[in-house]
Amino acid sequence: GGGLVQAGGSLRLSCAASGFTFDD
């Protein structure tokens, strides 16, 4: 989700997770 934006603009980053075997 990164990129180049002008000051005052917005971005939304995403983090996709996989392979978890723990609860907390």
mmCIF file of all heavy atoms, coordinates in Angstrom:
data_MODEL
# 
_entry.id   MODEL 
# 
loop_
_atom_site.group_PDB 
_atom_site.id 
_atom_site.type_symbol 
_atom_site.label_atom_id 
_atom_site.label_alt_id 
_atom_site.label_comp_id 
_atom_site.label_asym_id 
_atom_site.label_entity_id 
_atom_site.label_seq_id 
_atom_site.pdbx_PDB_ins_code 
_atom_site.Cartn_x 
_atom_site.Cartn_y 
_atom_site.Cartn_z 
_atom_site.occupancy 
_atom_site.B_iso_or_equiv 
_atom_site.pdbx_formal_charge 
_atom_site.auth_seq_id 
_atom_site.auth_comp_id 
_atom_site.auth_asym_id 
_atom_site.auth_atom_id 
_atom_site.pdbx_PDB_model_num 
ATOM 1   N N   . GLY A 1 1  ? 0.769  -1.224  0.000  1.00 0.00 ? 1  GLY A N   1 
ATOM 2   C CA  . GLY A 1 1  ? 0.000  0.000   0.000  1.00 0.00 ? 1  GLY A CA  1 
ATOM 3   C C   . GLY A 1 1  ? 0.802  1.277   0.000  1.00 0.00 ? 1  GLY A C   1 
ATOM 4   O O   . GLY A 1 1  ? 0.220  2.368   -0.061 1.00 0.00 ? 1  GLY A O   1 
ATOM 5   N N   . GLY A 1 2  ? 2.112  1.178   0.071  1.00 0.00 ? 2  GLY A N   1 
ATOM 6   C CA  . GLY A 1 2  ? 2.935  2.373   0.041  1.00 0.00 ? 2  GLY A CA  1 
ATOM 7   C C   . GLY A 1 2  ? 2.915  3.033   -1.325 1.00 0.00 ? 2  GLY A C   1 
ATOM 8   O O   . GLY A 1 2  ? 2.432  2.476   -2.306 1.00 0.00 ? 2  GLY A O   1 
ATOM 9   N N   . GLY A 1 3  ? 3.450  4.230   -1.368 1.00 0.00 ? 3  GLY A N   1 
ATOM 10  C CA  . GLY A 1 3  ? 3.493  4.969   -2.613 1.00 0.00 ? 3  GLY A CA  1 
ATOM 11  C C   . GLY A 1 3  ? 3.988  6.371   -2.404 1.00 0.00 ? 3  GLY A C   1 
ATOM 12  O O   . GLY A 1 3  ? 4.504  6.721   -1.338 1.00 0.00 ? 3  GLY A O   1 
ATOM 13  N N   . LEU A 1 4  ? 3.825  7.178   -3.432 1.00 0.00 ? 4  LEU A N   1 
ATOM 14  C CA  . LEU A 1 4  ? 4.242  8.577   -3.422 1.00 0.00 ? 4  LEU A CA  1 
ATOM 15  C C   . LEU A 1 4  ? 3.007  9.460   -3.345 1.00 0.00 ? 4  LEU A C   1 
ATOM 16  O O   . LEU A 1 4  ? 2.103  9.349   -4.184 1.00 0.00 ? 4  LEU A O   1 
ATOM 17  C CB  . LEU A 1 4  ? 5.043  8.900   -4.689 1.00 0.00 ? 4  LEU A CB  1 
ATOM 18  C CG  . LEU A 1 4  ? 5.416  10.359  -4.914 1.00 0.00 ? 4  LEU A CG  1 
ATOM 19  C CD1 . LEU A 1 4  ? 6.333  10.852  -3.807 1.00 0.00 ? 4  LEU A CD1 1 
ATOM 20  C CD2 . LEU A 1 4  ? 6.069  10.524  -6.278 1.00 0.00 ? 4  LEU A CD2 1 
ATOM 21  N N   . VAL A 1 5  ? 2.964  10.325  -2.341 1.00 0.00 ? 5  VAL A N   1 
ATOM 22  C CA  . VAL A 1 5  ? 1.849  11.248  -2.164 1.00 0.00 ? 5  VAL A CA  1 
ATOM 23  C C   . VAL A 1 5  ? 2.384  12.627  -1.808 1.00 0.00 ? 5  VAL A C   1 
ATOM 24  O O   . VAL A 1 5  ? 3.506  12.775  -1.334 1.00 0.00 ? 5  VAL A O   1 
ATOM 25  C CB  . VAL A 1 5  ? 0.866  10.784  -1.069 1.00 0.00 ? 5  VAL A CB  1 
ATOM 26  C CG1 . VAL A 1 5  ? 0.239  9.447   -1.444 1.00 0.00 ? 5  VAL A CG1 1 
ATOM 27  C CG2 . VAL A 1 5  ? 1.569  10.685  0.273  1.00 0.00 ? 5  VAL A CG2 1 
ATOM 28  N N   . GLN A 1 6  ? 1.570  13.634  -2.044 1.00 0.00 ? 6  GLN A N   1 
ATOM 29  C CA  . GLN A 1 6  ? 1.901  14.986  -1.632 1.00 0.00 ? 6  GLN A CA  1 
ATOM 30  C C   . GLN A 1 6  ? 1.549  15.200  -0.168 1.00 0.00 ? 6  GLN A C   1 
ATOM 31  O O   . GLN A 1 6  ? 0.688  14.502  0.386  1.00 0.00 ? 6  GLN A O   1 
ATOM 32  C CB  . GLN A 1 6  ? 1.162  16.008  -2.495 1.00 0.00 ? 6  GLN A CB  1 
ATOM 33  C CG  . GLN A 1 6  ? 1.613  16.050  -3.937 1.00 0.00 ? 6  GLN A CG  1 
ATOM 34  C CD  . GLN A 1 6  ? 0.931  17.146  -4.719 1.00 0.00 ? 6  GLN A CD  1 
ATOM 35  O OE1 . GLN A 1 6  ? -0.198 17.538  -4.414 1.00 0.00 ? 6  GLN A OE1 1 
ATOM 36  N NE2 . GLN A 1 6  ? 1.608  17.649  -5.741 1.00 0.00 ? 6  GLN A NE2 1 
ATOM 37  N N   . ALA A 1 7  ? 2.222  16.140  0.454  1.00 0.00 ? 7  ALA A N   1 
ATOM 38  C CA  . ALA A 1 7  ? 1.912  16.482  1.832  1.00 0.00 ? 7  ALA A CA  1 
ATOM 39  C C   . ALA A 1 7  ? 0.433  16.801  1.978  1.00 0.00 ? 7  ALA A C   1 
ATOM 40  O O   . ALA A 1 7  ? -0.155 17.496  1.145  1.00 0.00 ? 7  ALA A O   1 
ATOM 41  C CB  . ALA A 1 7  ? 2.758  17.659  2.289  1.00 0.00 ? 7  ALA A CB  1 
ATOM 42  N N   . GLY A 1 8  ? -0.157 16.275  3.041  1.00 0.00 ? 8  GLY A N   1 
ATOM 43  C CA  . GLY A 1 8  ? -1.584 16.431  3.265  1.00 0.00 ? 8  GLY A CA  1 
ATOM 44  C C   . GLY A 1 8  ? -2.422 15.300  2.721  1.00 0.00 ? 8  GLY A C   1 
ATOM 45  O O   . GLY A 1 8  ? -3.619 15.214  3.042  1.00 0.00 ? 8  GLY A O   1 
ATOM 46  N N   . GLY A 1 9  ? -1.831 14.433  1.930  1.00 0.00 ? 9  GLY A N   1 
ATOM 47  C CA  . GLY A 1 9  ? -2.547 13.318  1.352  1.00 0.00 ? 9  GLY A CA  1 
ATOM 48  C C   . GLY A 1 9  ? -2.664 12.142  2.294  1.00 0.00 ? 9  GLY A C   1 
ATOM 49  O O   . GLY A 1 9  ? -2.236 12.192  3.451  1.00 0.00 ? 9  GLY A O   1 
ATOM 50  N N   . SER A 1 10 ? -3.241 11.054  1.768  1.00 0.00 ? 10 SER A N   1 
ATOM 51  C CA  . SER A 1 10 ? -3.515 9.874   2.577  1.00 0.00 ? 10 SER A CA  1 
ATOM 52  C C   . SER A 1 10 ? -3.065 8.610   1.867  1.00 0.00 ? 10 SER A C   1 
ATOM 53  O O   . SER A 1 10 ? -3.023 8.545   0.629  1.00 0.00 ? 10 SER A O   1 
ATOM 54  C CB  . SER A 1 10 ? -5.015 9.753   2.874  1.00 0.00 ? 10 SER A CB  1 
ATOM 55  O OG  . SER A 1 10 ? -5.489 10.855  3.624  1.00 0.00 ? 10 SER A OG  1 
ATOM 56  N N   . LEU A 1 11 ? -2.730 7.614   2.654  1.00 0.00 ? 11 LEU A N   1 
ATOM 57  C CA  . LEU A 1 11 ? -2.441 6.270   2.180  1.00 0.00 ? 11 LEU A CA  1 
ATOM 58  C C   . LEU A 1 11 ? -2.977 5.280   3.196  1.00 0.00 ? 11 LEU A C   1 
ATOM 59  O O   . LEU A 1 11 ? -3.060 5.597   4.388  1.00 0.00 ? 11 LEU A O   1 
ATOM 60  C CB  . LEU A 1 11 ? -0.941 6.034   2.003  1.00 0.00 ? 11 LEU A CB  1 
ATOM 61  C CG  . LEU A 1 11 ? -0.233 6.646   0.804  1.00 0.00 ? 11 LEU A CG  1 
ATOM 62  C CD1 . LEU A 1 11 ? 1.273  6.439   0.946  1.00 0.00 ? 11 LEU A CD1 1 
ATOM 63  C CD2 . LEU A 1 11 ? -0.728 6.030   -0.491 1.00 0.00 ? 11 LEU A CD2 1 
ATOM 64  N N   . ARG A 1 12 ? -3.311 4.087   2.737  1.00 0.00 ? 12 ARG A N   1 
ATOM 65  C CA  . ARG A 1 12 ? -3.676 3.004   3.636  1.00 0.00 ? 12 ARG A CA  1 
ATOM 66  C C   . ARG A 1 12 ? -2.755 1.827   3.384  1.00 0.00 ? 12 ARG A C   1 
ATOM 67  O O   . ARG A 1 12 ? -2.739 1.257   2.287  1.00 0.00 ? 12 ARG A O   1 
ATOM 68  C CB  . ARG A 1 12 ? -5.132 2.568   3.454  1.00 0.00 ? 12 ARG A CB  1 
ATOM 69  C CG  . ARG A 1 12 ? -5.559 1.550   4.521  1.00 0.00 ? 12 ARG A CG  1 
ATOM 70  C CD  . ARG A 1 12 ? -7.007 1.159   4.430  1.00 0.00 ? 12 ARG A CD  1 
ATOM 71  N NE  . ARG A 1 12 ? -7.286 0.304   3.286  1.00 0.00 ? 12 ARG A NE  1 
ATOM 72  C CZ  . ARG A 1 12 ? -8.364 -0.458  3.164  1.00 0.00 ? 12 ARG A CZ  1 
ATOM 73  N NH1 . ARG A 1 12 ? -9.277 -0.466  4.123  1.00 0.00 ? 12 ARG A NH1 1 
ATOM 74  N NH2 . ARG A 1 12 ? -8.543 -1.184  2.077  1.00 0.00 ? 12 ARG A NH2 1 
ATOM 75  N N   . LEU A 1 13 ? -1.994 1.474   4.398  1.00 0.00 ? 13 LEU A N   1 
ATOM 76  C CA  . LEU A 1 13 ? -1.116 0.325   4.329  1.00 0.00 ? 13 LEU A CA  1 
ATOM 77  C C   . LEU A 1 13 ? -1.843 -0.919  4.821  1.00 0.00 ? 13 LEU A C   1 
ATOM 78  O O   . LEU A 1 13 ? -2.682 -0.845  5.718  1.00 0.00 ? 13 LEU A O   1 
ATOM 79  C CB  . LEU A 1 13 ? 0.135  0.547   5.177  1.00 0.00 ? 13 LEU A CB  1 
ATOM 80  C CG  . LEU A 1 13 ? 0.950  1.811   4.891  1.00 0.00 ? 13 LEU A CG  1 
ATOM 81  C CD1 . LEU A 1 13 ? 2.196  1.828   5.765  1.00 0.00 ? 13 LEU A CD1 1 
ATOM 82  C CD2 . LEU A 1 13 ? 1.300  1.917   3.420  1.00 0.00 ? 13 LEU A CD2 1 
ATOM 83  N N   . SER A 1 14 ? -1.498 -2.051  4.238  1.00 0.00 ? 14 SER A N   1 
ATOM 84  C CA  . SER A 1 14 ? -2.077 -3.324  4.630  1.00 0.00 ? 14 SER A CA  1 
ATOM 85  C C   . SER A 1 14 ? -0.976 -4.290  5.030  1.00 0.00 ? 14 SER A C   1 
ATOM 86  O O   . SER A 1 14 ? 0.111  -4.282  4.450  1.00 0.00 ? 14 SER A O   1 
ATOM 87  C CB  . SER A 1 14 ? -2.887 -3.936  3.482  1.00 0.00 ? 14 SER A CB  1 
ATOM 88  O OG  . SER A 1 14 ? -3.955 -3.101  3.100  1.00 0.00 ? 14 SER A OG  1 
ATOM 89  N N   . CYS A 1 15 ? -1.266 -5.113  6.011  1.00 0.00 ? 15 CYS A N   1 
ATOM 90  C CA  . CYS A 1 15 ? -0.360 -6.167  6.442  1.00 0.00 ? 15 CYS A CA  1 
ATOM 91  C C   . CYS A 1 15 ? -1.142 -7.471  6.457  1.00 0.00 ? 15 CYS A C   1 
ATOM 92  O O   . CYS A 1 15 ? -1.994 -7.670  7.328  1.00 0.00 ? 15 CYS A O   1 
ATOM 93  C CB  . CYS A 1 15 ? 0.219  -5.863  7.821  1.00 0.00 ? 15 CYS A CB  1 
ATOM 94  S SG  . CYS A 1 15 ? 1.306  -7.153  8.465  1.00 0.00 ? 15 CYS A SG  1 
ATOM 95  N N   . ALA A 1 16 ? -0.867 -8.327  5.504  1.00 0.00 ? 16 ALA A N   1 
ATOM 96  C CA  . ALA A 1 16 ? -1.516 -9.626  5.418  1.00 0.00 ? 16 ALA A CA  1 
ATOM 97  C C   . ALA A 1 16 ? -0.671 -10.655 6.142  1.00 0.00 ? 16 ALA A C   1 
ATOM 98  O O   . ALA A 1 16 ? 0.511  -10.821 5.829  1.00 0.00 ? 16 ALA A O   1 
ATOM 99  C CB  . ALA A 1 16 ? -1.716 -10.025 3.959  1.00 0.00 ? 16 ALA A CB  1 
ATOM 100 N N   . ALA A 1 17 ? -1.274 -11.329 7.103  1.00 0.00 ? 17 ALA A N   1 
ATOM 101 C CA  . ALA A 1 17 ? -0.563 -12.286 7.940  1.00 0.00 ? 17 ALA A CA  1 
ATOM 102 C C   . ALA A 1 17 ? -1.031 -13.701 7.641  1.00 0.00 ? 17 ALA A C   1 
ATOM 103 O O   . ALA A 1 17 ? -2.207 -13.940 7.376  1.00 0.00 ? 17 ALA A O   1 
ATOM 104 C CB  . ALA A 1 17 ? -0.777 -11.967 9.418  1.00 0.00 ? 17 ALA A CB  1 
ATOM 105 N N   . SER A 1 18 ? -0.102 -14.629 7.706  1.00 0.00 ? 18 SER A N   1 
ATOM 106 C CA  . SER A 1 18 ? -0.426 -16.037 7.505  1.00 0.00 ? 18 SER A CA  1 
ATOM 107 C C   . SER A 1 18 ? 0.534  -16.895 8.309  1.00 0.00 ? 18 SER A C   1 
ATOM 108 O O   . SER A 1 18 ? 1.600  -16.439 8.719  1.00 0.00 ? 18 SER A O   1 
ATOM 109 C CB  . SER A 1 18 ? -0.365 -16.417 6.018  1.00 0.00 ? 18 SER A CB  1 
ATOM 110 O OG  . SER A 1 18 ? 0.948  -16.248 5.511  1.00 0.00 ? 18 SER A OG  1 
ATOM 111 N N   . GLY A 1 19 ? 0.141  -18.140 8.533  1.00 0.00 ? 19 GLY A N   1 
ATOM 112 C CA  . GLY A 1 19 ? 1.002  -19.086 9.209  1.00 0.00 ? 19 GLY A CA  1 
ATOM 113 C C   . GLY A 1 19 ? 1.002  -18.988 10.718 1.00 0.00 ? 19 GLY A C   1 
ATOM 114 O O   . GLY A 1 19 ? 1.885  -19.553 11.366 1.00 0.00 ? 19 GLY A O   1 
ATOM 115 N N   . PHE A 1 20 ? 0.021  -18.297 11.305 1.00 0.00 ? 20 PHE A N   1 
ATOM 116 C CA  . PHE A 1 20 ? -0.033 -18.171 12.758 1.00 0.00 ? 20 PHE A CA  1 
ATOM 117 C C   . PHE A 1 20 ? -0.553 -19.444 13.403 1.00 0.00 ? 20 PHE A C   1 
ATOM 118 O O   . PHE A 1 20 ? -1.523 -20.037 12.929 1.00 0.00 ? 20 PHE A O   1 
ATOM 119 C CB  . PHE A 1 20 ? -0.932 -17.005 13.163 1.00 0.00 ? 20 PHE A CB  1 
ATOM 120 C CG  . PHE A 1 20 ? -0.350 -15.666 12.882 1.00 0.00 ? 20 PHE A CG  1 
ATOM 121 C CD1 . PHE A 1 20 ? -0.713 -14.957 11.755 1.00 0.00 ? 20 PHE A CD1 1 
ATOM 122 C CD2 . PHE A 1 20 ? 0.561  -15.099 13.763 1.00 0.00 ? 20 PHE A CD2 1 
ATOM 123 C CE1 . PHE A 1 20 ? -0.180 -13.714 11.495 1.00 0.00 ? 20 PHE A CE1 1 
ATOM 124 C CE2 . PHE A 1 20 ? 1.100  -13.854 13.510 1.00 0.00 ? 20 PHE A CE2 1 
ATOM 125 C CZ  . PHE A 1 20 ? 0.732  -13.162 12.376 1.00 0.00 ? 20 PHE A CZ  1 
ATOM 126 N N   . THR A 1 21 ? 0.077  -19.823 14.508 1.00 0.00 ? 21 THR A N   1 
ATOM 127 C CA  . THR A 1 21 ? -0.374 -20.953 15.307 1.00 0.00 ? 21 THR A CA  1 
ATOM 128 C C   . THR A 1 21 ? -0.592 -20.576 16.762 1.00 0.00 ? 21 THR A C   1 
ATOM 129 O O   . THR A 1 21 ? -0.929 -21.440 17.564 1.00 0.00 ? 21 THR A O   1 
ATOM 130 C CB  . THR A 1 21 ? 0.625  -22.119 15.233 1.00 0.00 ? 21 THR A CB  1 
ATOM 131 O OG1 . THR A 1 21 ? 1.900  -21.689 15.724 1.00 0.00 ? 21 THR A OG1 1 
ATOM 132 C CG2 . THR A 1 21 ? 0.764  -22.609 13.799 1.00 0.00 ? 21 THR A CG2 1 
ATOM 133 N N   . PHE A 1 22 ? -0.417 -19.309 17.113 1.00 0.00 ? 22 PHE A N   1 
ATOM 134 C CA  . PHE A 1 22 ? -0.587 -18.842 18.485 1.00 0.00 ? 22 PHE A CA  1 
ATOM 135 C C   . PHE A 1 22 ? -1.857 -18.007 18.596 1.00 0.00 ? 22 PHE A C   1 
ATOM 136 O O   . PHE A 1 22 ? -2.363 -17.478 17.606 1.00 0.00 ? 22 PHE A O   1 
ATOM 137 C CB  . PHE A 1 22 ? 0.625  -18.031 18.960 1.00 0.00 ? 22 PHE A CB  1 
ATOM 138 C CG  . PHE A 1 22 ? 1.240  -17.185 17.894 1.00 0.00 ? 22 PHE A CG  1 
ATOM 139 C CD1 . PHE A 1 22 ? 0.714  -15.944 17.574 1.00 0.00 ? 22 PHE A CD1 1 
ATOM 140 C CD2 . PHE A 1 22 ? 2.361  -17.620 17.210 1.00 0.00 ? 22 PHE A CD2 1 
ATOM 141 C CE1 . PHE A 1 22 ? 1.275  -15.153 16.598 1.00 0.00 ? 22 PHE A CE1 1 
ATOM 142 C CE2 . PHE A 1 22 ? 2.945  -16.844 16.222 1.00 0.00 ? 22 PHE A CE2 1 
ATOM 143 C CZ  . PHE A 1 22 ? 2.395  -15.608 15.916 1.00 0.00 ? 22 PHE A CZ  1 
ATOM 144 N N   . ASP A 1 23 ? -2.355 -17.886 19.835 1.00 0.00 ? 23 ASP A N   1 
ATOM 145 C CA  . ASP A 1 23 ? -3.634 -17.228 20.066 1.00 0.00 ? 23 ASP A CA  1 
ATOM 146 C C   . ASP A 1 23 ? -3.507 -15.742 20.346 1.00 0.00 ? 23 ASP A C   1 
ATOM 147 O O   . ASP A 1 23 ? -4.238 -14.934 19.765 1.00 0.00 ? 23 ASP A O   1 
ATOM 148 C CB  . ASP A 1 23 ? -4.364 -17.899 21.234 1.00 0.00 ? 23 ASP A CB  1 
ATOM 149 C CG  . ASP A 1 23 ? -4.753 -19.336 20.946 1.00 0.00 ? 23 ASP A CG  1 
ATOM 150 O OD1 . ASP A 1 23 ? -5.061 -19.645 19.779 1.00 0.00 ? 23 ASP A OD1 1 
ATOM 151 O OD2 . ASP A 1 23 ? -4.751 -20.149 21.891 1.00 0.00 ? 23 ASP A OD2 1 
ATOM 152 N N   . ASP A 1 24 ? -2.619 -15.380 21.244 1.00 0.00 ? 24 ASP A N   1 
ATOM 153 C CA  . ASP A 1 24 ? -2.490 -13.997 21.685 1.00 0.00 ? 24 ASP A CA  1 
ATOM 154 C C   . ASP A 1 24 ? -1.220 -13.388 21.124 1.00 0.00 ? 24 ASP A C   1 
ATOM 155 O O   . ASP A 1 24 ? -0.130 -13.953 21.257 1.00 0.00 ? 24 ASP A O   1 
ATOM 156 C CB  . ASP A 1 24 ? -2.484 -13.909 23.212 1.00 0.00 ? 24 ASP A CB  1 
ATOM 157 C CG  . ASP A 1 24 ? -3.769 -14.422 23.825 1.00 0.00 ? 24 ASP A CG  1 
ATOM 158 O OD1 . ASP A 1 24 ? -4.842 -14.159 23.249 1.00 0.00 ? 24 ASP A OD1 1 
ATOM 159 O OD2 . ASP A 1 24 ? -3.704 -15.081 24.880 1.00 0.00 ? 24 ASP A OD2 1 
# 
